């Protein structure tokens, strides 16, 4: 029977340099500075953002905002996680197709970048859903607040898409389907 020498086994295990290993979040590709910059770009719809931050294909922030939206819907007794992810997935596929058809031949956007932008722009809907947990939005004022939130989401997402794909003259064409997508999320928050 072969029994390995203890000295050779310890020597191979100690060859790895643990001190120069990158942190776990860096290995996973989670960059908190980009998450913060994208979040502030969504919260400031008239401001600008850099294209490299927008093109970062981060899905940690959108996942957090989707869970926040679902949790705030759960506060008023609606278990809508399946609808959120289903509508979000269909919206991402539709916007991905539409944006790649509208973009120039030399430019394209990836599916994960599309999902990242649409997910980050769900933050105002999460705020709307938190407001709906406290106040009733089933009136003219509530519909106005929901329309403003959908317009905020759509305007911000179209701004981020037009910066990424350099489509300055087509921002309104991109904003229309984005606003329609976020109107569906607003309906989930209100009713």
Foldseek 3Di string as FASTA:
>chain_A
DDDDDPVVVVVVVPPDDPVPDDDPCVVVVNDVVLLVQLLVLLVDLVDAGALVSLLRLDCPNLVVLLVLQQVLLVLQPDRCSVVSVVLLVVLLVVLQVVLQVPFDPVDHHDSSSSSRLLSSLCNLLSVLLNVCSVDQLPDPNSVVSLLVSLLSSLSSSLNSSCNNRVPVPCSVVSSVSSSVSSSVSSVSSRD
